[in-house]
N, C-alpha and C. Protein backbone atom coordinates (compact mmCIF):
# COMPACT_ATOMS: atom_id res chain seq x y z
N MET A 1 12.22 81.99 102.55
CA MET A 1 11.84 82.99 101.56
C MET A 1 10.61 82.50 100.80
N ILE A 2 9.52 83.27 100.86
CA ILE A 2 8.31 82.89 100.13
C ILE A 2 8.44 83.28 98.66
N LEU A 3 8.16 82.33 97.79
CA LEU A 3 8.21 82.58 96.35
C LEU A 3 6.79 82.63 95.79
N LYS A 4 6.66 83.20 94.59
CA LYS A 4 5.37 83.21 93.93
C LYS A 4 4.93 81.78 93.64
N PRO A 5 3.63 81.51 93.67
CA PRO A 5 3.14 80.15 93.43
C PRO A 5 3.69 79.51 92.17
N LYS A 6 3.92 80.30 91.12
CA LYS A 6 4.41 79.76 89.86
C LYS A 6 5.75 79.05 90.01
N PHE A 7 6.53 79.45 91.03
CA PHE A 7 7.84 78.83 91.22
C PHE A 7 7.73 77.42 91.82
N TYR A 8 6.54 77.03 92.20
CA TYR A 8 6.35 75.69 92.75
C TYR A 8 5.77 74.73 91.70
N GLU A 9 5.57 75.23 90.49
CA GLU A 9 4.97 74.41 89.44
C GLU A 9 6.03 73.95 88.45
N ASN A 10 6.22 72.66 88.35
CA ASN A 10 7.10 72.09 87.32
C ASN A 10 8.49 72.68 87.34
N GLN A 11 9.06 72.90 88.55
CA GLN A 11 10.37 73.53 88.59
C GLN A 11 11.50 72.57 88.22
N SER A 12 11.32 71.26 88.40
CA SER A 12 12.39 70.33 88.06
C SER A 12 12.43 70.13 86.55
N ARG A 13 13.62 69.98 86.02
CA ARG A 13 13.78 69.86 84.57
C ARG A 13 12.98 68.69 84.02
N GLU A 14 12.88 67.61 84.81
CA GLU A 14 12.19 66.43 84.33
C GLU A 14 10.68 66.64 84.22
N LYS A 15 10.13 67.60 84.99
CA LYS A 15 8.68 67.77 85.05
C LYS A 15 8.19 69.05 84.35
N ARG A 16 9.11 69.78 83.74
CA ARG A 16 8.70 71.05 83.15
C ARG A 16 7.72 70.84 82.01
N ALA A 17 6.75 71.73 81.96
CA ALA A 17 5.71 71.62 80.94
C ALA A 17 6.22 72.02 79.56
N ILE A 18 7.33 72.76 79.52
CA ILE A 18 7.88 73.20 78.24
C ILE A 18 9.15 72.43 77.91
N ASP A 19 9.48 72.41 76.65
CA ASP A 19 10.74 71.83 76.18
C ASP A 19 11.75 72.98 76.13
N PRO A 20 12.74 73.02 77.05
CA PRO A 20 13.67 74.15 77.09
C PRO A 20 14.37 74.41 75.76
N GLY A 21 14.81 73.33 75.10
CA GLY A 21 15.50 73.50 73.82
C GLY A 21 14.63 74.12 72.76
N ALA A 22 13.40 73.64 72.65
CA ALA A 22 12.48 74.17 71.65
C ALA A 22 12.11 75.62 71.96
N GLU A 23 11.92 75.92 73.24
CA GLU A 23 11.56 77.28 73.61
C GLU A 23 12.72 78.24 73.41
N ARG A 24 13.92 77.80 73.69
CA ARG A 24 15.10 78.63 73.42
C ARG A 24 15.16 78.98 71.94
N GLN A 25 15.00 77.97 71.10
CA GLN A 25 15.07 78.19 69.66
C GLN A 25 14.00 79.17 69.20
N LYS A 26 12.82 79.06 69.78
CA LYS A 26 11.73 79.95 69.43
C LYS A 26 12.08 81.40 69.76
N LEU A 27 12.89 81.60 70.81
CA LEU A 27 13.27 82.93 71.25
C LEU A 27 14.58 83.43 70.64
N GLY A 28 15.12 82.67 69.68
CA GLY A 28 16.33 83.11 68.99
C GLY A 28 17.61 82.63 69.62
N LEU A 29 17.53 81.70 70.55
CA LEU A 29 18.72 81.13 71.18
C LEU A 29 19.04 79.78 70.56
N GLU A 30 20.24 79.27 70.82
CA GLU A 30 20.61 77.95 70.36
C GLU A 30 20.00 76.92 71.31
N PRO A 31 19.38 75.87 70.81
CA PRO A 31 18.66 74.93 71.68
C PRO A 31 19.52 74.17 72.67
N ASP A 32 20.77 73.88 72.30
CA ASP A 32 21.61 73.02 73.14
C ASP A 32 22.82 73.73 73.74
N CYS A 33 22.85 75.04 73.65
CA CYS A 33 23.99 75.81 74.17
C CYS A 33 23.81 76.05 75.67
N PRO A 34 24.88 75.90 76.47
CA PRO A 34 24.78 76.24 77.90
C PRO A 34 24.24 77.66 78.05
N THR A 35 23.24 77.81 78.91
CA THR A 35 22.49 79.06 78.99
C THR A 35 22.50 79.61 80.41
N GLY A 36 22.94 80.85 80.55
CA GLY A 36 22.91 81.51 81.85
C GLY A 36 21.84 82.58 81.88
N ILE A 37 21.17 82.72 83.01
CA ILE A 37 20.22 83.82 83.20
C ILE A 37 20.89 84.83 84.12
N VAL A 38 20.88 86.10 83.72
CA VAL A 38 21.56 87.16 84.47
C VAL A 38 20.52 88.13 84.98
N MET A 39 20.46 88.30 86.31
CA MET A 39 19.44 89.16 86.92
C MET A 39 20.06 90.01 88.03
N PHE A 40 19.68 91.29 88.04
CA PHE A 40 20.12 92.20 89.10
C PHE A 40 18.98 93.11 89.51
N GLY A 41 17.86 92.52 89.87
CA GLY A 41 16.73 93.30 90.36
C GLY A 41 15.91 93.94 89.26
N GLY A 42 14.95 94.75 89.69
CA GLY A 42 13.99 95.35 88.76
C GLY A 42 14.55 96.41 87.84
N HIS A 43 15.77 96.90 88.11
CA HIS A 43 16.37 97.92 87.26
C HIS A 43 17.71 97.47 86.68
N GLY A 44 18.00 96.18 86.80
CA GLY A 44 19.24 95.68 86.24
C GLY A 44 20.46 96.30 86.88
N SER A 45 21.60 96.18 86.24
CA SER A 45 22.85 96.75 86.75
C SER A 45 23.83 96.93 85.61
N LYS A 46 24.62 97.98 85.70
CA LYS A 46 25.65 98.26 84.70
C LYS A 46 26.62 97.10 84.56
N VAL A 47 26.81 96.34 85.65
CA VAL A 47 27.76 95.24 85.61
C VAL A 47 27.34 94.16 84.62
N MET A 48 26.07 94.16 84.22
CA MET A 48 25.61 93.19 83.23
C MET A 48 26.31 93.38 81.89
N VAL A 49 26.68 94.61 81.59
CA VAL A 49 27.42 94.88 80.34
C VAL A 49 28.79 94.23 80.41
N ASP A 50 29.47 94.41 81.55
CA ASP A 50 30.80 93.83 81.73
C ASP A 50 30.74 92.30 81.69
N ILE A 51 29.74 91.74 82.35
CA ILE A 51 29.60 90.28 82.37
C ILE A 51 29.41 89.75 80.95
N THR A 52 28.52 90.37 80.20
CA THR A 52 28.25 89.93 78.83
C THR A 52 29.48 90.06 77.95
N ARG A 53 30.16 91.18 78.05
CA ARG A 53 31.36 91.42 77.23
C ARG A 53 32.47 90.43 77.57
N LYS A 54 32.72 90.24 78.86
CA LYS A 54 33.82 89.36 79.26
C LYS A 54 33.57 87.92 78.86
N LEU A 55 32.34 87.45 78.97
CA LEU A 55 32.04 86.08 78.58
C LEU A 55 32.19 85.88 77.08
N SER A 56 31.84 86.88 76.31
CA SER A 56 31.99 86.79 74.86
C SER A 56 33.47 86.83 74.47
N GLU A 57 34.20 87.76 75.06
CA GLU A 57 35.63 87.91 74.73
C GLU A 57 36.43 86.67 75.11
N ALA A 58 35.98 85.96 76.15
CA ALA A 58 36.70 84.77 76.61
C ALA A 58 36.30 83.50 75.86
N ASN A 59 35.42 83.65 74.85
CA ASN A 59 34.93 82.48 74.11
C ASN A 59 34.39 81.42 75.07
N SER A 60 33.57 81.87 75.99
CA SER A 60 33.05 80.97 77.02
C SER A 60 32.10 79.92 76.48
N GLY A 61 31.52 80.18 75.31
CA GLY A 61 30.61 79.22 74.71
C GLY A 61 29.23 79.19 75.33
N VAL A 62 28.88 80.24 76.09
CA VAL A 62 27.56 80.28 76.71
C VAL A 62 26.72 81.38 76.09
N GLN A 63 25.42 81.18 76.10
CA GLN A 63 24.48 82.22 75.69
C GLN A 63 23.78 82.71 76.95
N LEU A 64 23.24 83.94 76.88
CA LEU A 64 22.70 84.57 78.08
C LEU A 64 21.27 85.05 77.88
N ILE A 65 20.49 84.92 78.95
CA ILE A 65 19.18 85.57 79.05
C ILE A 65 19.37 86.72 80.02
N LEU A 66 19.25 87.93 79.53
CA LEU A 66 19.53 89.12 80.34
C LEU A 66 18.22 89.79 80.75
N ILE A 67 17.93 89.79 82.04
CA ILE A 67 16.73 90.43 82.56
C ILE A 67 17.08 91.87 82.91
N CYS A 68 16.69 92.82 82.07
CA CYS A 68 17.10 94.22 82.22
C CYS A 68 16.15 95.04 83.08
N GLY A 69 14.99 94.51 83.38
CA GLY A 69 14.03 95.25 84.19
C GLY A 69 13.54 96.50 83.49
N HIS A 70 13.34 97.56 84.27
CA HIS A 70 12.83 98.82 83.72
C HIS A 70 13.92 99.67 83.08
N ASN A 71 15.16 99.19 83.09
CA ASN A 71 16.29 99.99 82.65
C ASN A 71 16.46 99.94 81.13
N GLU A 72 15.79 100.84 80.44
CA GLU A 72 15.85 100.85 78.97
C GLU A 72 17.23 101.27 78.46
N LYS A 73 17.90 102.14 79.19
CA LYS A 73 19.24 102.56 78.79
C LYS A 73 20.20 101.38 78.83
N LEU A 74 20.09 100.58 79.88
CA LEU A 74 20.92 99.38 80.00
C LEU A 74 20.62 98.42 78.86
N ALA A 75 19.35 98.20 78.58
CA ALA A 75 18.98 97.28 77.50
C ALA A 75 19.56 97.74 76.17
N ALA A 76 19.52 99.04 75.91
CA ALA A 76 20.07 99.57 74.65
C ALA A 76 21.58 99.35 74.59
N GLU A 77 22.25 99.54 75.72
CA GLU A 77 23.71 99.36 75.75
C GLU A 77 24.07 97.89 75.52
N LEU A 78 23.29 97.00 76.11
CA LEU A 78 23.54 95.57 75.94
C LEU A 78 23.29 95.14 74.50
N LYS A 79 22.24 95.67 73.90
CA LYS A 79 21.90 95.30 72.52
C LYS A 79 22.96 95.78 71.53
N ALA A 80 23.71 96.79 71.92
CA ALA A 80 24.75 97.32 71.04
C ALA A 80 26.00 96.45 71.03
N LEU A 81 26.11 95.55 71.99
CA LEU A 81 27.30 94.69 72.07
C LEU A 81 27.30 93.65 70.94
N GLN A 82 28.48 93.35 70.45
CA GLN A 82 28.65 92.28 69.47
C GLN A 82 29.13 91.04 70.23
N THR A 83 28.30 90.01 70.29
CA THR A 83 28.65 88.81 71.04
C THR A 83 28.77 87.60 70.13
N LYS A 84 29.55 86.64 70.59
CA LYS A 84 29.78 85.45 69.77
C LYS A 84 28.70 84.40 69.90
N LYS A 85 27.88 84.53 70.93
CA LYS A 85 26.76 83.63 71.12
C LYS A 85 25.48 84.45 71.25
N PRO A 86 24.33 83.87 70.98
CA PRO A 86 23.07 84.62 71.05
C PRO A 86 22.79 85.16 72.44
N ILE A 87 22.07 86.28 72.46
CA ILE A 87 21.66 86.91 73.71
C ILE A 87 20.15 87.17 73.62
N LEU A 88 19.44 86.89 74.70
CA LEU A 88 18.02 87.21 74.77
C LEU A 88 17.84 88.35 75.77
N PHE A 89 17.25 89.45 75.32
CA PHE A 89 17.03 90.62 76.18
C PHE A 89 15.57 90.62 76.65
N VAL A 90 15.41 90.75 77.95
CA VAL A 90 14.07 90.76 78.54
C VAL A 90 13.95 92.01 79.41
N GLY A 91 12.86 92.74 79.25
CA GLY A 91 12.63 93.91 80.09
C GLY A 91 12.09 93.48 81.44
N PHE A 92 11.25 94.30 82.03
CA PHE A 92 10.67 93.93 83.31
C PHE A 92 9.72 92.76 83.09
N ALA A 93 9.99 91.64 83.77
CA ALA A 93 9.25 90.40 83.52
C ALA A 93 8.42 90.00 84.72
N GLN A 94 7.13 89.76 84.47
CA GLN A 94 6.26 89.21 85.50
C GLN A 94 6.35 87.69 85.56
N ASN A 95 6.99 87.10 84.55
CA ASN A 95 7.09 85.64 84.46
C ASN A 95 8.55 85.18 84.45
N VAL A 96 9.29 85.64 85.44
CA VAL A 96 10.70 85.27 85.54
C VAL A 96 10.86 83.75 85.57
N GLU A 97 9.90 83.07 86.16
CA GLU A 97 9.99 81.61 86.26
C GLU A 97 10.07 80.96 84.87
N HIS A 98 9.46 81.59 83.87
CA HIS A 98 9.52 81.04 82.51
C HIS A 98 10.96 81.05 82.01
N TYR A 99 11.67 82.14 82.25
CA TYR A 99 13.05 82.24 81.77
C TYR A 99 14.00 81.41 82.62
N MET A 100 13.69 81.27 83.90
CA MET A 100 14.48 80.38 84.76
C MET A 100 14.42 78.95 84.21
N ALA A 101 13.26 78.56 83.70
CA ALA A 101 13.07 77.21 83.19
C ALA A 101 13.90 76.94 81.93
N LEU A 102 14.37 77.99 81.29
CA LEU A 102 15.16 77.85 80.07
C LEU A 102 16.66 77.87 80.32
N ALA A 103 17.05 78.18 81.56
CA ALA A 103 18.46 78.39 81.88
C ALA A 103 19.10 77.15 82.50
N ASP A 104 20.45 77.15 82.47
CA ASP A 104 21.23 76.09 83.11
C ASP A 104 21.91 76.58 84.39
N PHE A 105 22.14 77.90 84.48
CA PHE A 105 22.77 78.45 85.67
C PHE A 105 22.39 79.93 85.80
N PHE A 106 22.66 80.49 86.96
CA PHE A 106 22.24 81.85 87.31
C PHE A 106 23.46 82.71 87.65
N ILE A 107 23.44 83.97 87.19
CA ILE A 107 24.45 84.96 87.57
C ILE A 107 23.71 86.17 88.12
N GLY A 108 24.13 86.65 89.29
CA GLY A 108 23.46 87.82 89.86
C GLY A 108 23.99 88.18 91.22
N LYS A 109 23.27 89.06 91.90
CA LYS A 109 23.68 89.46 93.24
C LYS A 109 23.15 88.44 94.25
N PRO A 110 23.76 88.38 95.44
CA PRO A 110 23.36 87.37 96.42
C PRO A 110 22.14 87.76 97.25
N GLY A 111 21.11 88.26 96.59
CA GLY A 111 19.87 88.59 97.29
C GLY A 111 19.10 87.32 97.61
N PRO A 112 18.38 87.28 98.71
CA PRO A 112 17.66 86.06 99.09
C PRO A 112 16.60 85.65 98.07
N GLY A 113 15.93 86.64 97.46
CA GLY A 113 14.88 86.32 96.50
C GLY A 113 15.42 85.68 95.25
N SER A 114 16.42 86.29 94.64
CA SER A 114 16.95 85.78 93.38
C SER A 114 17.63 84.43 93.57
N ILE A 115 18.37 84.26 94.67
CA ILE A 115 19.01 82.96 94.92
C ILE A 115 17.95 81.88 95.13
N SER A 116 16.93 82.19 95.92
CA SER A 116 15.87 81.21 96.17
C SER A 116 15.16 80.81 94.89
N GLU A 117 14.90 81.79 94.03
CA GLU A 117 14.22 81.50 92.76
C GLU A 117 15.08 80.60 91.88
N ALA A 118 16.38 80.91 91.80
CA ALA A 118 17.28 80.09 90.97
C ALA A 118 17.38 78.66 91.51
N LEU A 119 17.53 78.53 92.80
CA LEU A 119 17.67 77.20 93.39
C LEU A 119 16.38 76.40 93.28
N GLN A 120 15.24 77.09 93.28
CA GLN A 120 13.97 76.37 93.12
C GLN A 120 13.92 75.69 91.76
N PHE A 121 14.67 76.23 90.79
CA PHE A 121 14.77 75.61 89.47
C PHE A 121 16.05 74.78 89.33
N HIS A 122 16.70 74.54 90.46
CA HIS A 122 17.90 73.70 90.51
C HIS A 122 19.03 74.27 89.65
N LEU A 123 19.13 75.60 89.63
CA LEU A 123 20.18 76.26 88.86
C LEU A 123 21.36 76.58 89.76
N PRO A 124 22.56 76.06 89.47
CA PRO A 124 23.75 76.51 90.18
C PRO A 124 23.92 78.02 89.99
N VAL A 125 24.48 78.70 90.98
CA VAL A 125 24.55 80.15 90.93
C VAL A 125 25.99 80.64 90.97
N ILE A 126 26.20 81.81 90.37
CA ILE A 126 27.45 82.55 90.51
C ILE A 126 27.08 83.92 91.04
N VAL A 127 27.55 84.24 92.25
CA VAL A 127 27.25 85.52 92.87
C VAL A 127 28.55 86.17 93.34
N GLN A 128 28.44 87.46 93.62
CA GLN A 128 29.61 88.24 94.04
C GLN A 128 29.51 88.59 95.52
N ARG A 129 30.65 88.52 96.21
CA ARG A 129 30.71 88.97 97.60
C ARG A 129 32.02 89.71 97.82
N ASN A 130 31.91 90.97 98.21
CA ASN A 130 33.08 91.78 98.52
C ASN A 130 32.68 92.87 99.50
N ALA A 131 33.55 93.86 99.68
CA ALA A 131 33.28 94.92 100.66
C ALA A 131 32.03 95.72 100.29
N GLY A 132 31.68 95.73 99.01
CA GLY A 132 30.52 96.49 98.58
C GLY A 132 29.20 95.74 98.70
N THR A 133 29.26 94.45 99.03
CA THR A 133 28.04 93.66 99.17
C THR A 133 27.26 94.12 100.39
N LEU A 134 25.95 94.26 100.25
CA LEU A 134 25.12 94.68 101.36
C LEU A 134 25.30 93.72 102.54
N PRO A 135 25.40 94.27 103.77
CA PRO A 135 25.64 93.41 104.93
C PRO A 135 24.65 92.25 105.05
N GLN A 136 23.38 92.52 104.77
CA GLN A 136 22.37 91.47 104.91
C GLN A 136 22.47 90.41 103.83
N GLU A 137 23.27 90.66 102.77
CA GLU A 137 23.40 89.68 101.70
C GLU A 137 24.70 88.89 101.77
N ARG A 138 25.62 89.31 102.65
CA ARG A 138 26.91 88.63 102.70
C ARG A 138 26.79 87.18 103.15
N TYR A 139 25.92 86.94 104.13
CA TYR A 139 25.77 85.56 104.60
C TYR A 139 25.18 84.67 103.51
N ASN A 140 24.35 85.25 102.65
CA ASN A 140 23.77 84.44 101.56
C ASN A 140 24.87 83.84 100.69
N ALA A 141 25.90 84.65 100.42
CA ALA A 141 27.02 84.16 99.61
C ALA A 141 27.76 83.04 100.35
N GLU A 142 27.96 83.21 101.65
CA GLU A 142 28.62 82.17 102.43
C GLU A 142 27.78 80.89 102.42
N TRP A 143 26.47 81.05 102.50
CA TRP A 143 25.55 79.92 102.49
C TRP A 143 25.63 79.16 101.18
N VAL A 144 25.77 79.89 100.07
CA VAL A 144 25.93 79.26 98.75
C VAL A 144 27.17 78.37 98.74
N THR A 145 28.27 78.89 99.26
CA THR A 145 29.52 78.12 99.29
C THR A 145 29.40 76.92 100.21
N GLU A 146 28.86 77.13 101.40
CA GLU A 146 28.76 76.06 102.40
C GLU A 146 27.92 74.89 101.90
N ASN A 147 26.90 75.17 101.11
CA ASN A 147 25.99 74.13 100.64
C ASN A 147 26.34 73.61 99.25
N GLY A 148 27.38 74.16 98.65
CA GLY A 148 27.78 73.69 97.33
C GLY A 148 26.78 74.00 96.25
N TYR A 149 26.15 75.20 96.35
CA TYR A 149 25.15 75.59 95.37
C TYR A 149 25.73 76.38 94.20
N GLY A 150 27.01 76.69 94.24
CA GLY A 150 27.59 77.47 93.16
C GLY A 150 28.90 78.09 93.56
N ILE A 151 29.25 79.16 92.86
CA ILE A 151 30.56 79.81 93.01
C ILE A 151 30.36 81.25 93.46
N VAL A 152 31.17 81.68 94.41
CA VAL A 152 31.17 83.07 94.86
C VAL A 152 32.47 83.71 94.40
N VAL A 153 32.35 84.83 93.67
CA VAL A 153 33.53 85.53 93.17
C VAL A 153 33.71 86.85 93.91
N PRO A 154 34.95 87.32 94.09
CA PRO A 154 35.17 88.61 94.73
C PRO A 154 34.80 89.78 93.83
N SER A 155 34.75 89.52 92.53
CA SER A 155 34.39 90.55 91.55
C SER A 155 33.91 89.87 90.28
N PHE A 156 32.94 90.49 89.62
CA PHE A 156 32.47 89.92 88.36
C PHE A 156 33.49 90.10 87.24
N ARG A 157 34.62 90.75 87.55
CA ARG A 157 35.72 90.75 86.59
C ARG A 157 36.25 89.34 86.40
N LYS A 158 35.96 88.47 87.37
CA LYS A 158 36.40 87.07 87.31
C LYS A 158 35.32 86.15 86.76
N ILE A 159 34.33 86.72 86.08
CA ILE A 159 33.19 85.92 85.66
C ILE A 159 33.55 84.84 84.64
N ALA A 160 34.46 85.13 83.71
CA ALA A 160 34.79 84.15 82.67
C ALA A 160 35.41 82.88 83.26
N PRO A 161 36.45 82.99 84.10
CA PRO A 161 36.98 81.75 84.70
C PRO A 161 35.99 81.07 85.63
N ALA A 162 35.11 81.85 86.27
CA ALA A 162 34.10 81.25 87.15
C ALA A 162 33.12 80.40 86.34
N VAL A 163 32.67 80.91 85.20
CA VAL A 163 31.76 80.15 84.34
C VAL A 163 32.46 78.91 83.79
N GLN A 164 33.71 79.08 83.40
CA GLN A 164 34.47 77.94 82.88
C GLN A 164 34.56 76.84 83.94
N ARG A 165 34.85 77.23 85.19
CA ARG A 165 34.92 76.26 86.27
C ARG A 165 33.56 75.63 86.54
N LEU A 166 32.51 76.45 86.57
CA LEU A 166 31.16 75.95 86.85
C LEU A 166 30.75 74.87 85.87
N LEU A 167 31.10 75.07 84.59
CA LEU A 167 30.62 74.19 83.54
C LEU A 167 31.52 72.98 83.29
N GLU A 168 32.60 72.85 84.06
CA GLU A 168 33.38 71.61 83.96
C GLU A 168 32.44 70.46 84.32
N PRO A 169 32.37 69.42 83.50
CA PRO A 169 31.35 68.38 83.68
C PRO A 169 31.21 67.85 85.11
N ALA A 170 32.32 67.50 85.74
CA ALA A 170 32.24 66.93 87.09
C ALA A 170 31.77 67.96 88.09
N THR A 171 32.27 69.18 87.96
CA THR A 171 31.88 70.26 88.88
C THR A 171 30.42 70.61 88.72
N PHE A 172 29.99 70.74 87.47
CA PHE A 172 28.58 71.09 87.22
C PHE A 172 27.65 70.00 87.72
N ALA A 173 28.05 68.75 87.55
CA ALA A 173 27.23 67.63 88.03
C ALA A 173 27.07 67.70 89.55
N ASP A 174 28.15 68.05 90.25
CA ASP A 174 28.09 68.17 91.71
C ASP A 174 27.15 69.30 92.12
N PHE A 175 27.28 70.45 91.46
CA PHE A 175 26.42 71.58 91.78
C PHE A 175 24.95 71.25 91.49
N ARG A 176 24.71 70.59 90.38
CA ARG A 176 23.33 70.24 90.04
C ARG A 176 22.74 69.26 91.04
N LEU A 177 23.56 68.33 91.51
CA LEU A 177 23.09 67.38 92.51
C LEU A 177 22.71 68.13 93.79
N ASN A 178 23.57 69.04 94.21
CA ASN A 178 23.29 69.80 95.44
C ASN A 178 22.04 70.66 95.30
N THR A 179 21.92 71.33 94.17
CA THR A 179 20.75 72.20 93.99
C THR A 179 19.46 71.38 93.84
N SER A 180 19.58 70.16 93.34
CA SER A 180 18.38 69.33 93.18
C SER A 180 17.81 68.92 94.53
N LEU A 181 18.63 68.98 95.57
CA LEU A 181 18.17 68.62 96.92
C LEU A 181 17.52 69.80 97.63
N TYR A 182 17.67 70.98 97.05
CA TYR A 182 17.07 72.18 97.66
C TYR A 182 15.55 72.15 97.46
N CYS A 183 14.82 72.46 98.50
CA CYS A 183 13.36 72.47 98.39
C CYS A 183 12.80 73.60 99.25
N ASN A 184 12.26 74.59 98.60
CA ASN A 184 11.66 75.73 99.30
C ASN A 184 10.16 75.47 99.45
N ARG A 185 9.70 75.30 100.69
CA ARG A 185 8.28 75.03 100.96
C ARG A 185 7.65 76.15 101.77
N ALA A 186 8.30 77.32 101.77
CA ALA A 186 7.84 78.42 102.63
C ALA A 186 6.40 78.82 102.37
N LEU A 187 5.99 78.78 101.10
CA LEU A 187 4.63 79.19 100.75
C LEU A 187 3.59 78.35 101.51
N PHE A 188 3.94 77.10 101.75
CA PHE A 188 3.01 76.20 102.42
C PHE A 188 3.25 76.13 103.93
N GLU A 189 4.51 76.38 104.34
CA GLU A 189 4.85 76.27 105.75
C GLU A 189 4.42 77.49 106.56
N VAL A 190 4.54 78.68 105.97
CA VAL A 190 4.23 79.90 106.71
C VAL A 190 2.78 79.93 107.19
N PRO A 191 1.79 79.59 106.35
CA PRO A 191 0.41 79.59 106.86
C PRO A 191 0.22 78.65 108.06
N LEU A 192 0.90 77.50 108.04
CA LEU A 192 0.79 76.56 109.15
C LEU A 192 1.40 77.14 110.43
N ILE A 193 2.53 77.84 110.25
CA ILE A 193 3.18 78.47 111.40
C ILE A 193 2.28 79.55 111.98
N LEU A 194 1.69 80.36 111.11
CA LEU A 194 0.79 81.42 111.57
C LEU A 194 -0.44 80.84 112.26
N GLU A 195 -0.93 79.71 111.72
CA GLU A 195 -2.09 79.07 112.34
C GLU A 195 -1.76 78.59 113.74
N LYS A 196 -0.56 78.00 113.91
CA LYS A 196 -0.14 77.54 115.22
C LYS A 196 0.00 78.71 116.20
N CYS A 197 0.56 79.82 115.69
CA CYS A 197 0.72 81.01 116.54
C CYS A 197 -0.64 81.54 116.98
N ALA A 198 -1.59 81.54 116.05
CA ALA A 198 -2.93 82.04 116.37
C ALA A 198 -3.60 81.15 117.42
N LYS A 199 -3.45 79.83 117.26
CA LYS A 199 -4.04 78.90 118.22
C LYS A 199 -3.40 79.07 119.60
N HIS A 200 -2.08 79.26 119.61
CA HIS A 200 -1.38 79.44 120.88
C HIS A 200 -1.85 80.72 121.57
N THR A 201 -2.02 81.79 120.77
CA THR A 201 -2.48 83.05 121.33
C THR A 201 -3.89 82.92 121.90
N GLU A 202 -4.74 82.21 121.16
CA GLU A 202 -6.12 82.02 121.61
C GLU A 202 -6.17 81.18 122.89
N THR A 203 -5.33 80.14 122.94
CA THR A 203 -5.28 79.30 124.14
C THR A 203 -4.81 80.10 125.34
N SER A 204 -3.78 80.93 125.13
CA SER A 204 -3.25 81.75 126.22
C SER A 204 -4.29 82.76 126.69
N ARG A 205 -5.03 83.33 125.74
CA ARG A 205 -6.06 84.31 126.09
C ARG A 205 -7.14 83.68 126.95
N LYS A 206 -7.58 82.47 126.56
CA LYS A 206 -8.61 81.78 127.30
C LYS A 206 -8.13 81.41 128.71
N ALA A 207 -6.85 80.99 128.79
CA ALA A 207 -6.28 80.62 130.08
C ALA A 207 -6.26 81.80 131.03
N HIS A 208 -5.88 82.97 130.51
CA HIS A 208 -5.84 84.17 131.32
C HIS A 208 -7.26 84.61 131.72
N ALA A 209 -8.21 84.37 130.82
CA ALA A 209 -9.60 84.75 131.10
C ALA A 209 -10.15 83.92 132.25
N VAL A 210 -9.80 82.63 132.29
CA VAL A 210 -10.26 81.75 133.35
C VAL A 210 -9.69 82.16 134.69
N VAL A 211 -8.41 82.50 134.69
CA VAL A 211 -7.76 82.95 135.91
C VAL A 211 -8.37 84.25 136.41
């Protein structure tokens, strides 16, 4: 999966150009509170309301960065919620990588783009897989489980216990170790592959011309 060039810059927590705690505080979040980023594409999803409500009701102790996309109705509904921890609402963002850099884990659908972006920032993920999951995205969820990159739930109704399990110190350390080994180099590998294909095609063309 090819990512935007910005996702290859300072993605590791140790090399980030910003101080996550200071930037969180600047945006109205608590600097040291476990932080989840919630994303469901460019128009968000109604399930984000349920996720936010359930985590607050369960006293999960996490704060959320909610990427609402172009969905102003969703943003208004989320802003109306009374939560026990701070929430940051973001509309359609061209700089998702900035908010990824402020998060500790990711919640969203098992799309290849969003999972790749989260893992590039070494964020453990929580995704859903059930009968309603798009066929092309089901394997992504299996891949997350197989590689120990996070937790797959059958429904986001189970989000509170999933977050609780994810943030158990030993479990979270294992997930972070696994995600730290993930390295997406597609942006640099694809041009090389295309170059090889072009050279092979040119060589074949010349060979046929000689014959």
